[in-house]
């Protein structure tokens, strides 16, 4: 595929996945009772965490694979096999735990365990398609997922139980999973899976899991801090502002998921960094333009979107827009480091994620919710500066890694 077509397919695939998540929650909220939706939300949050862990431990490593076609195919087969086995194990634990707890919530978690291998494997296959540089195949599978899940949930009876909704959501992934496996099979047919790759001490996925855990823990700490020191209006205003910038999250997630294989084609540090910086500037301009568009919305339109929260949220748009603009630069810098020096990102994520929380709480203590928003923007700006400074310090051509004896054996002519 041409580079422009690859980028377009990657962005569209991420958009399809994000739209699926949004529609799932909206439909379930309309069909379920308030208590039922709360139980489903807890289950969906659990799935999101498990999905993030799999993305970090398996997906991010696959998209960084730099071997030949056969090595890429073997890595994709190994990733698929590991995800399947790990999701089966996690699903069994959820079924056992849910059965032991019982009640509405326990039954819903048991239902998640039953369908977890289907949902997790279907979503995880997109990283294999990204590594193989055929994101249009991921787009086809994720579009089918969207087409199947919407009617599967919408046709459920009014006030259906959370467990029933979870089962309908998970089972609706079967057509997309079968399509994705069929589309992947021609690439991995003559390779073998090596699960030992994911169990070795030097596996990069361990570092990426720590990064994910730190980022997730810091966001939870931020919410906890606001719950302790702020009023509910402040929490609602910040969350409302973040919700309005959801389309930017689609673009950032696309860069994280599909950026490494594309940037990896440029070779040396300068060419890779130049391309990433240009992408960061473009995304930053898009973020500022989106912020201006939101800021220019009439109050009536804003209240239609967020209701009574709009008035407080509108005051935060300059800060949140600035935060997303610098986040664009920081995201592209971190992706550049993933390509050129994957082990260089962990310390940055740990330090600056904690700094962002400190700035947010400090800003709120000084000037209220607007200070918290500007504190988050400052933390994102410092992370971007630190990441690009780390990129500048890398050598133009990093030393080549020693070849893997197993790869040599697989690629040797008969």
Protein backbone atom coordinates (compact mmCIF):
# COMPACT_ATOMS: atom_id res chain seq x y z
CA UNK A 1 0.00 0.00 0.00
CA UNK A 2 1.06 3.59 -0.53
CA UNK A 3 2.01 5.48 2.59
CA UNK A 4 -0.97 7.84 2.29
CA UNK A 5 -3.36 4.90 1.93
CA UNK A 6 -1.76 3.20 4.92
CA UNK A 7 -2.21 6.29 7.09
CA UNK A 8 -5.81 6.75 5.95
CA UNK A 9 -6.69 3.11 6.64
CA UNK A 10 -5.02 3.31 10.07
CA UNK A 11 -6.95 6.41 11.09
CA UNK A 12 -10.24 5.00 9.80
CA UNK A 13 -9.66 1.76 11.66
CA UNK A 14 -9.03 3.60 14.93
CA UNK A 15 -12.13 5.70 14.29
CA UNK A 16 -14.22 2.56 13.74
CA UNK A 17 -12.93 1.07 16.98
CA UNK A 18 -13.58 4.26 18.95
CA UNK A 19 -17.07 4.60 17.49
CA UNK A 20 -17.79 1.00 18.49
CA UNK A 21 -16.83 1.74 22.11
CA UNK A 22 -19.00 4.87 22.20
CA UNK A 23 -22.05 3.19 20.69
CA UNK A 24 -21.73 0.17 22.98
CA UNK A 25 -22.00 2.37 26.08
CA UNK A 26 -24.78 4.54 24.64
CA UNK A 27 -26.95 1.57 23.60
CA UNK A 28 -26.41 -0.32 26.85
CA UNK A 29 -27.26 2.82 28.85
CA UNK A 30 -30.56 3.14 26.97
CA UNK A 31 -31.51 -0.53 27.26
CA UNK A 32 -30.40 -1.20 30.85
CA UNK A 33 -31.58 0.08 34.20
CA UNK A 34 -29.33 2.52 36.05
CA UNK A 35 -28.02 -0.29 38.27
CA UNK A 36 -27.58 -2.59 35.28
CA UNK A 37 -25.58 0.01 33.36
CA UNK A 38 -23.38 0.57 36.41
CA UNK A 39 -22.59 -3.16 36.54
CA UNK A 40 -21.93 -3.27 32.78
CA UNK A 41 -19.67 -0.23 33.06
CA UNK A 42 -17.53 -1.95 35.70
CA UNK A 43 -17.19 -4.96 33.42
CA UNK A 44 -16.33 -2.76 30.44
CA UNK A 45 -13.70 -0.90 32.44
CA UNK A 46 -12.17 -4.26 33.37
CA UNK A 47 -12.09 -5.27 29.71
CA UNK A 48 -10.51 -1.93 28.80
CA UNK A 49 -7.73 -2.49 31.34
CA UNK A 50 -7.10 -6.04 30.08
CA UNK A 51 -7.09 -4.73 26.52
CA UNK A 52 -4.53 -2.08 27.47
CA UNK A 53 -2.32 -4.67 29.13
CA UNK A 54 -2.46 -6.89 26.05
CA UNK A 55 -1.74 -3.91 23.79
CA UNK A 56 1.31 -3.06 25.91
CA UNK A 57 2.69 -6.55 26.38
CA UNK A 58 1.93 -7.94 22.92
CA UNK A 59 0.71 -5.32 20.45
CA UNK A 60 3.37 -2.65 20.95
CA UNK A 61 6.12 -5.25 20.61
CA UNK A 62 4.69 -6.66 17.38
CA UNK A 63 4.51 -3.28 15.64
CA UNK A 64 8.18 -2.69 16.50
CA UNK A 65 9.30 -5.89 14.76
CA UNK A 66 11.92 -4.99 12.14
CA UNK A 67 12.77 -8.35 10.59
CA UNK A 68 12.03 -9.57 7.10
CA UNK A 69 8.66 -10.79 5.89
CA UNK A 70 9.08 -14.24 7.38
CA UNK A 71 10.19 -12.84 10.75
CA UNK A 72 7.19 -10.49 10.75
CA UNK A 73 4.83 -13.33 9.96
CA UNK A 74 6.31 -15.49 12.72
CA UNK A 75 5.98 -12.62 15.19
CA UNK A 76 2.33 -12.14 14.26
CA UNK A 77 1.58 -15.84 14.66
CA UNK A 78 3.33 -15.86 18.04
CA UNK A 79 1.37 -12.78 19.15
CA UNK A 80 -1.92 -14.34 18.10
CA UNK A 81 -1.19 -17.60 19.90
CA UNK A 82 -0.03 -15.86 23.08
CA UNK A 83 -3.08 -13.57 23.15
CA UNK A 84 -5.40 -16.54 22.71
CA UNK A 85 -3.82 -18.55 25.52
CA UNK A 86 -3.50 -15.58 27.89
CA UNK A 87 -7.11 -14.53 27.31
CA UNK A 88 -8.31 -18.09 27.95
CA UNK A 89 -6.48 -18.10 31.28
CA UNK A 90 -7.75 -14.66 32.26
CA UNK A 91 -11.26 -15.63 31.16
CA UNK A 92 -11.21 -18.76 33.31
CA UNK A 93 -10.17 -16.69 36.35
CA UNK A 94 -13.01 -14.22 35.71
CA UNK A 95 -15.55 -17.02 35.38
CA UNK A 96 -14.39 -18.59 38.64
CA UNK A 97 -14.28 -15.27 40.46
CA UNK A 98 -17.67 -14.16 39.16
CA UNK A 99 -19.26 -17.46 40.14
CA UNK A 100 -17.79 -17.18 43.63
CA UNK A 101 -19.05 -13.61 44.12
CA UNK A 102 -22.50 -14.25 42.66
CA UNK A 103 -25.23 -11.66 42.31
CA UNK A 104 -25.71 -9.31 39.38
CA UNK A 105 -22.11 -8.08 39.28
CA UNK A 106 -20.59 -11.53 39.75
CA UNK A 107 -22.68 -12.97 36.93
CA UNK A 108 -21.68 -10.09 34.66
CA UNK A 109 -17.98 -10.68 35.34
CA UNK A 110 -18.43 -14.40 34.73
CA UNK A 111 -20.04 -13.54 31.39
CA UNK A 112 -17.02 -11.38 30.56
CA UNK A 113 -14.75 -14.32 31.29
CA UNK A 114 -16.74 -16.49 28.90
CA UNK A 115 -16.41 -14.09 25.96
CA UNK A 116 -13.04 -12.52 26.80
CA UNK A 117 -10.99 -14.69 24.39
CA UNK A 118 -13.28 -13.68 21.50
CA UNK A 119 -13.24 -9.94 22.19
CA UNK A 120 -9.59 -9.67 23.20
CA UNK A 121 -8.22 -11.69 20.29
CA UNK A 122 -10.39 -9.87 17.73
CA UNK A 123 -9.19 -6.48 18.93
CA UNK A 124 -5.57 -7.59 19.30
CA UNK A 125 -5.25 -8.79 15.71
CA UNK A 126 -5.13 -5.18 14.47
CA UNK A 127 -1.52 -4.93 15.66
CA UNK A 128 -0.53 -7.88 13.53
CA UNK A 129 -2.09 -6.21 10.49
CA UNK A 130 -0.25 -3.02 11.40
CA UNK A 131 3.09 -4.84 11.62
CA UNK A 132 2.41 -6.47 8.25
CA UNK A 133 1.56 -3.00 6.85
CA UNK A 134 -1.94 -4.02 5.75
CA UNK A 135 -4.12 -1.88 8.03
CA UNK A 136 -6.98 -2.03 5.53
CA UNK A 137 -7.50 -5.63 6.65
CA UNK A 138 -7.84 -4.48 10.25
CA UNK A 139 -10.29 -1.85 9.05
CA UNK A 140 -12.41 -4.52 7.35
CA UNK A 141 -12.58 -6.64 10.51
CA UNK A 142 -13.27 -3.70 12.84
CA UNK A 143 -15.96 -2.35 10.54
CA UNK A 144 -17.68 -5.75 10.60
CA UNK A 145 -17.36 -5.68 14.40
CA UNK A 146 -19.17 -2.33 14.47
CA UNK A 147 -21.90 -3.55 12.10
CA UNK A 148 -22.54 -6.65 14.23
CA UNK A 149 -22.38 -5.24 17.77
CA UNK A 150 -24.88 -2.39 17.28
CA UNK A 151 -27.91 -4.53 16.33
CA UNK A 152 -26.83 -7.28 18.74
CA UNK A 153 -27.18 -4.86 21.66
CA UNK A 154 -30.04 -2.76 20.31
CA UNK A 155 -32.25 -5.86 19.87
CA UNK A 156 -31.90 -6.93 23.51
CA UNK A 157 -35.08 -6.65 25.59
CA UNK A 158 -35.65 -3.56 27.73
CA UNK A 159 -33.97 -3.82 31.15
CA UNK A 160 -31.94 -6.84 30.07
CA UNK A 161 -29.51 -8.09 32.71
CA UNK A 162 -25.88 -6.95 32.60
CA UNK A 163 -24.72 -10.53 32.00
CA UNK A 164 -26.98 -10.84 28.98
CA UNK A 165 -25.67 -7.56 27.57
CA UNK A 166 -22.07 -8.67 28.12
CA UNK A 167 -22.72 -11.97 26.34
CA UNK A 168 -24.42 -10.22 23.43
CA UNK A 169 -21.50 -7.79 23.16
CA UNK A 170 -18.87 -10.54 23.28
CA UNK A 171 -20.55 -13.06 20.99
CA UNK A 172 -21.10 -10.37 18.35
CA UNK A 173 -17.30 -10.35 17.88
CA UNK A 174 -17.33 -13.84 16.31
CA UNK A 175 -17.90 -12.74 12.67
CA UNK A 176 -15.17 -10.09 12.88
CA UNK A 177 -12.79 -12.53 14.58
CA UNK A 178 -13.33 -15.18 11.89
CA UNK A 179 -12.79 -12.60 9.16
CA UNK A 180 -9.60 -11.30 10.79
CA UNK A 181 -8.17 -14.81 11.19
CA UNK A 182 -8.99 -15.58 7.55
CA UNK A 183 -7.28 -12.38 6.41
CA UNK A 184 -4.22 -13.12 8.56
CA UNK A 185 -3.84 -16.77 7.58
CA UNK A 186 -2.10 -16.24 4.19
CA UNK A 187 0.73 -14.37 5.96
CA UNK A 188 1.36 -16.80 8.83
CA UNK A 189 0.48 -20.12 7.20
CA UNK A 190 4.06 -21.44 6.89
CA UNK A 191 5.42 -20.12 10.19
CA UNK A 192 5.40 -21.45 13.73
CA UNK A 193 4.54 -19.70 16.98
CA UNK A 194 7.22 -19.16 19.60
CA UNK A 195 5.56 -18.44 22.94
CA UNK A 196 8.93 -18.36 24.70
CA UNK A 197 9.45 -14.92 23.14
CA UNK A 198 6.92 -13.48 25.59
CA UNK A 199 8.32 -15.21 28.65
CA UNK A 200 11.97 -14.16 28.42
CA UNK A 201 13.50 -11.66 30.84
CA UNK A 202 14.37 -9.15 28.12
CA UNK A 203 10.90 -8.94 26.60
CA UNK A 204 10.10 -5.29 25.84
CA UNK A 205 6.45 -5.80 26.67
CA UNK A 206 7.28 -5.77 30.38
CA UNK A 207 8.51 -2.20 30.14
CA UNK A 208 5.47 -1.16 28.12
CA UNK A 209 3.16 -2.74 30.72
CA UNK A 210 4.85 -0.68 33.43
CA UNK A 211 4.36 2.45 31.30
CA UNK A 212 0.68 1.62 30.86
CA UNK A 213 0.29 0.92 34.56
CA UNK A 214 1.97 4.20 35.51
CA UNK A 215 -0.14 6.23 33.10
CA UNK A 216 -3.34 4.50 34.19
CA UNK A 217 -2.47 4.78 37.88
CA UNK A 218 -1.65 8.47 37.53
CA UNK A 219 -5.00 9.21 35.90
CA UNK A 220 -6.78 7.31 38.67
CA UNK A 221 -4.77 9.24 41.24
CA UNK A 222 -5.81 12.48 39.56
CA UNK A 223 -9.49 11.54 39.81
CA UNK A 224 -9.00 10.51 43.43
CA UNK A 225 -7.26 13.79 44.22
CA UNK A 226 -10.07 15.82 42.68
CA UNK A 227 -12.60 13.76 44.60
CA UNK A 228 -10.78 14.58 47.83
CA UNK A 229 -9.94 18.25 47.25
CA UNK A 230 -12.40 19.48 44.61
CA UNK A 231 -16.15 19.63 44.31
CA UNK A 232 -18.13 17.47 41.88
CA UNK A 233 -18.53 20.46 39.52
CA UNK A 234 -14.77 20.63 39.02
CA UNK A 235 -14.59 16.92 38.24
CA UNK A 236 -17.48 17.21 35.80
CA UNK A 237 -15.96 20.25 34.09
CA UNK A 238 -12.60 18.54 33.50
CA UNK A 239 -14.20 15.35 32.28
CA UNK A 240 -16.54 17.31 30.05
CA UNK A 241 -13.61 19.14 28.45
CA UNK A 242 -11.78 15.86 27.87
CA UNK A 243 -14.89 14.32 26.31
CA UNK A 244 -15.16 17.15 23.81
CA UNK A 245 -11.65 16.37 22.57
CA UNK A 246 -12.51 12.70 21.91
CA UNK A 247 -11.85 13.00 18.14
CA UNK A 248 -8.26 14.00 18.92
CA UNK A 249 -7.87 10.84 20.98
CA UNK A 250 -8.75 8.84 17.87
CA UNK A 251 -5.87 10.46 16.00
CA UNK A 252 -3.41 10.02 18.88
CA UNK A 253 -4.35 6.36 19.28
CA UNK A 254 -3.83 5.86 15.55
CA UNK A 255 -0.34 7.32 15.83
CA UNK A 256 0.50 5.01 18.74
CA UNK A 257 -0.93 1.91 17.08
CA UNK A 258 0.16 2.36 13.48
CA UNK A 259 2.91 4.98 13.62
CA UNK A 260 5.92 2.74 14.44
CA UNK A 261 5.78 0.59 11.27
CA UNK A 262 5.45 3.71 9.10
CA UNK A 263 8.18 5.71 10.84
CA UNK A 264 10.43 2.65 10.88
CA UNK A 265 10.77 2.91 7.10
CA UNK A 266 12.70 6.20 7.29
CA UNK A 267 15.90 4.66 8.63
CA UNK A 268 18.13 7.10 10.55
CA UNK A 269 17.30 9.38 13.46
CA UNK A 270 17.09 12.63 11.50
CA UNK A 271 14.70 11.39 8.83
CA UNK A 272 12.50 9.60 11.38
CA UNK A 273 12.44 12.57 13.76
CA UNK A 274 11.75 15.02 10.93
CA UNK A 275 8.73 13.02 9.76
CA UNK A 276 7.43 12.61 13.32
CA UNK A 277 7.90 16.31 14.09
CA UNK A 278 5.98 17.28 10.97
CA UNK A 279 3.18 14.94 11.99
CA UNK A 280 3.21 16.43 15.50
CA UNK A 281 2.92 19.97 14.15
CA UNK A 282 0.01 18.99 11.92
CA UNK A 283 -1.81 17.26 14.79
CA UNK A 284 -1.08 20.22 17.07
CA UNK A 285 -2.65 22.61 14.57
CA UNK A 286 -5.67 20.31 14.30
CA UNK A 287 -6.01 20.35 18.10
CA UNK A 288 -5.86 24.16 18.22
CA UNK A 289 -8.38 24.41 15.40
CA UNK A 290 -10.73 22.03 17.18
CA UNK A 291 -10.38 24.05 20.40
CA UNK A 292 -11.23 27.28 18.55
CA UNK A 293 -14.25 25.61 16.97
CA UNK A 294 -15.50 24.46 20.37
CA UNK A 295 -14.81 27.84 21.94
CA UNK A 296 -16.88 29.54 19.21
CA UNK A 297 -19.91 27.32 19.84
CA UNK A 298 -23.02 29.19 20.97
CA UNK A 299 -24.04 28.52 24.55
CA UNK A 300 -27.22 26.82 23.36
CA UNK A 301 -25.24 24.30 21.29
CA UNK A 302 -22.83 23.68 24.15
CA UNK A 303 -25.67 23.01 26.58
CA UNK A 304 -27.17 20.60 24.08
CA UNK A 305 -23.89 18.65 24.19
CA UNK A 306 -23.08 18.72 27.90
CA UNK A 307 -26.14 20.15 29.59
CA UNK A 308 -25.51 22.12 32.76
CA UNK A 309 -21.81 21.16 32.70
CA UNK A 310 -21.19 23.28 29.60
CA UNK A 311 -20.84 26.60 31.42
CA UNK A 312 -17.97 25.37 33.59
CA UNK A 313 -16.42 23.32 30.77
CA UNK A 314 -16.34 26.23 28.31
CA UNK A 315 -13.97 28.12 30.62
CA UNK A 316 -11.47 25.25 30.40
CA UNK A 317 -11.33 25.00 26.61
CA UNK A 318 -8.24 27.25 26.21
CA UNK A 319 -6.29 25.15 28.72
CA UNK A 320 -7.50 21.81 27.41
CA UNK A 321 -6.93 22.87 23.80
CA UNK A 322 -3.36 23.88 24.70
CA UNK A 323 -2.87 20.57 26.47
CA UNK A 324 -3.96 18.59 23.41
CA UNK A 325 -1.76 20.69 21.13
CA UNK A 326 1.37 19.86 23.14
CA UNK A 327 0.15 16.29 23.61
CA UNK A 328 0.33 15.95 19.83
CA UNK A 329 4.01 16.84 19.88
CA UNK A 330 4.67 14.63 22.88
CA UNK A 331 2.86 11.65 21.38
CA UNK A 332 4.90 11.86 18.17
CA UNK A 333 8.13 12.17 20.16
CA UNK A 334 7.32 9.08 22.24
CA UNK A 335 6.46 7.10 19.09
CA UNK A 336 9.80 8.19 17.61
CA UNK A 337 11.56 6.84 20.69
CA UNK A 338 9.59 3.60 20.39
CA UNK A 339 11.05 3.19 16.89
CA UNK A 340 14.62 4.29 17.57
CA UNK A 341 15.16 3.35 21.23
CA UNK A 342 12.21 1.48 22.78
CA UNK A 343 13.80 1.31 26.24
CA UNK A 344 14.08 5.10 26.49
CA UNK A 345 10.38 5.79 27.09
CA UNK A 346 9.80 4.18 30.50
CA UNK A 347 11.60 6.78 32.62
CA UNK A 348 9.92 9.62 30.72
CA UNK A 349 6.46 8.18 31.29
CA UNK A 350 7.06 7.58 34.99
CA UNK A 351 8.50 11.02 35.76
CA UNK A 352 6.19 13.17 33.69
CA UNK A 353 2.98 11.26 34.47
CA UNK A 354 3.59 11.88 38.17
CA UNK A 355 4.52 15.51 37.46
CA UNK A 356 1.25 16.04 35.60
CA UNK A 357 -0.70 14.84 38.63
CA UNK A 358 1.30 17.12 40.92
CA UNK A 359 0.77 20.13 38.63
CA UNK A 360 -2.94 19.43 38.38
CA UNK A 361 -3.44 19.23 42.14
CA UNK A 362 -1.15 22.21 42.74
CA UNK A 363 -2.95 24.27 40.10
CA UNK A 364 -6.29 23.50 41.69
CA UNK A 365 -5.00 24.48 45.13
CA UNK A 366 -3.83 27.85 43.76
CA UNK A 367 -6.60 28.97 41.39
CA UNK A 368 -9.28 26.29 41.31
CA UNK A 369 -10.39 24.13 38.40
CA UNK A 370 -8.82 26.37 35.75
CA UNK A 371 -5.51 25.98 37.54
CA UNK A 372 -5.95 22.22 37.44
CA UNK A 373 -6.55 22.33 33.69
CA UNK A 374 -3.49 24.51 33.09
CA UNK A 375 -1.48 22.22 35.36
CA UNK A 376 -2.31 19.28 33.12
CA UNK A 377 -1.31 21.34 30.09
CA UNK A 378 2.02 22.22 31.73
CA UNK A 379 2.71 18.56 32.51
CA UNK A 380 2.01 17.57 28.91
CA UNK A 381 4.24 20.36 27.62
CA UNK A 382 7.16 19.27 29.81
CA UNK A 383 6.71 15.67 28.72
CA UNK A 384 6.89 16.77 25.07
CA UNK A 385 10.06 18.80 25.72
CA UNK A 386 11.68 15.92 27.62
CA UNK A 387 10.79 13.38 24.93
CA UNK A 388 12.10 15.49 22.04
CA UNK A 389 15.26 16.23 24.01
CA UNK A 390 15.76 12.49 24.43
CA UNK A 391 15.27 12.03 20.66
CA UNK A 392 17.95 14.65 19.96
CA UNK A 393 20.43 12.74 22.12
CA UNK A 394 20.11 9.50 20.16
CA UNK A 395 22.81 8.50 17.66
CA UNK A 396 22.02 8.95 13.97
CA UNK A 397 22.27 5.19 13.32
CA UNK A 398 21.72 3.01 16.42
CA UNK A 399 23.86 -0.13 16.65
CA UNK A 400 22.28 -3.14 14.96
CA UNK A 401 20.98 -5.88 17.22
CA UNK A 402 22.57 -9.32 17.02
CA UNK A 403 20.66 -11.65 14.69
CA UNK A 404 18.40 -14.26 16.26
CA UNK A 405 19.70 -17.79 15.53
CA UNK A 406 16.14 -19.10 15.17
CA UNK A 407 15.33 -16.44 12.58
CA UNK A 408 18.42 -17.42 10.60
CA UNK A 409 17.35 -21.03 10.68
CA UNK A 410 13.80 -20.23 9.50
CA UNK A 411 14.92 -18.00 6.64
CA UNK A 412 17.73 -20.22 5.39
CA UNK A 413 17.10 -21.77 1.99
CA UNK A 414 16.28 -25.45 1.93
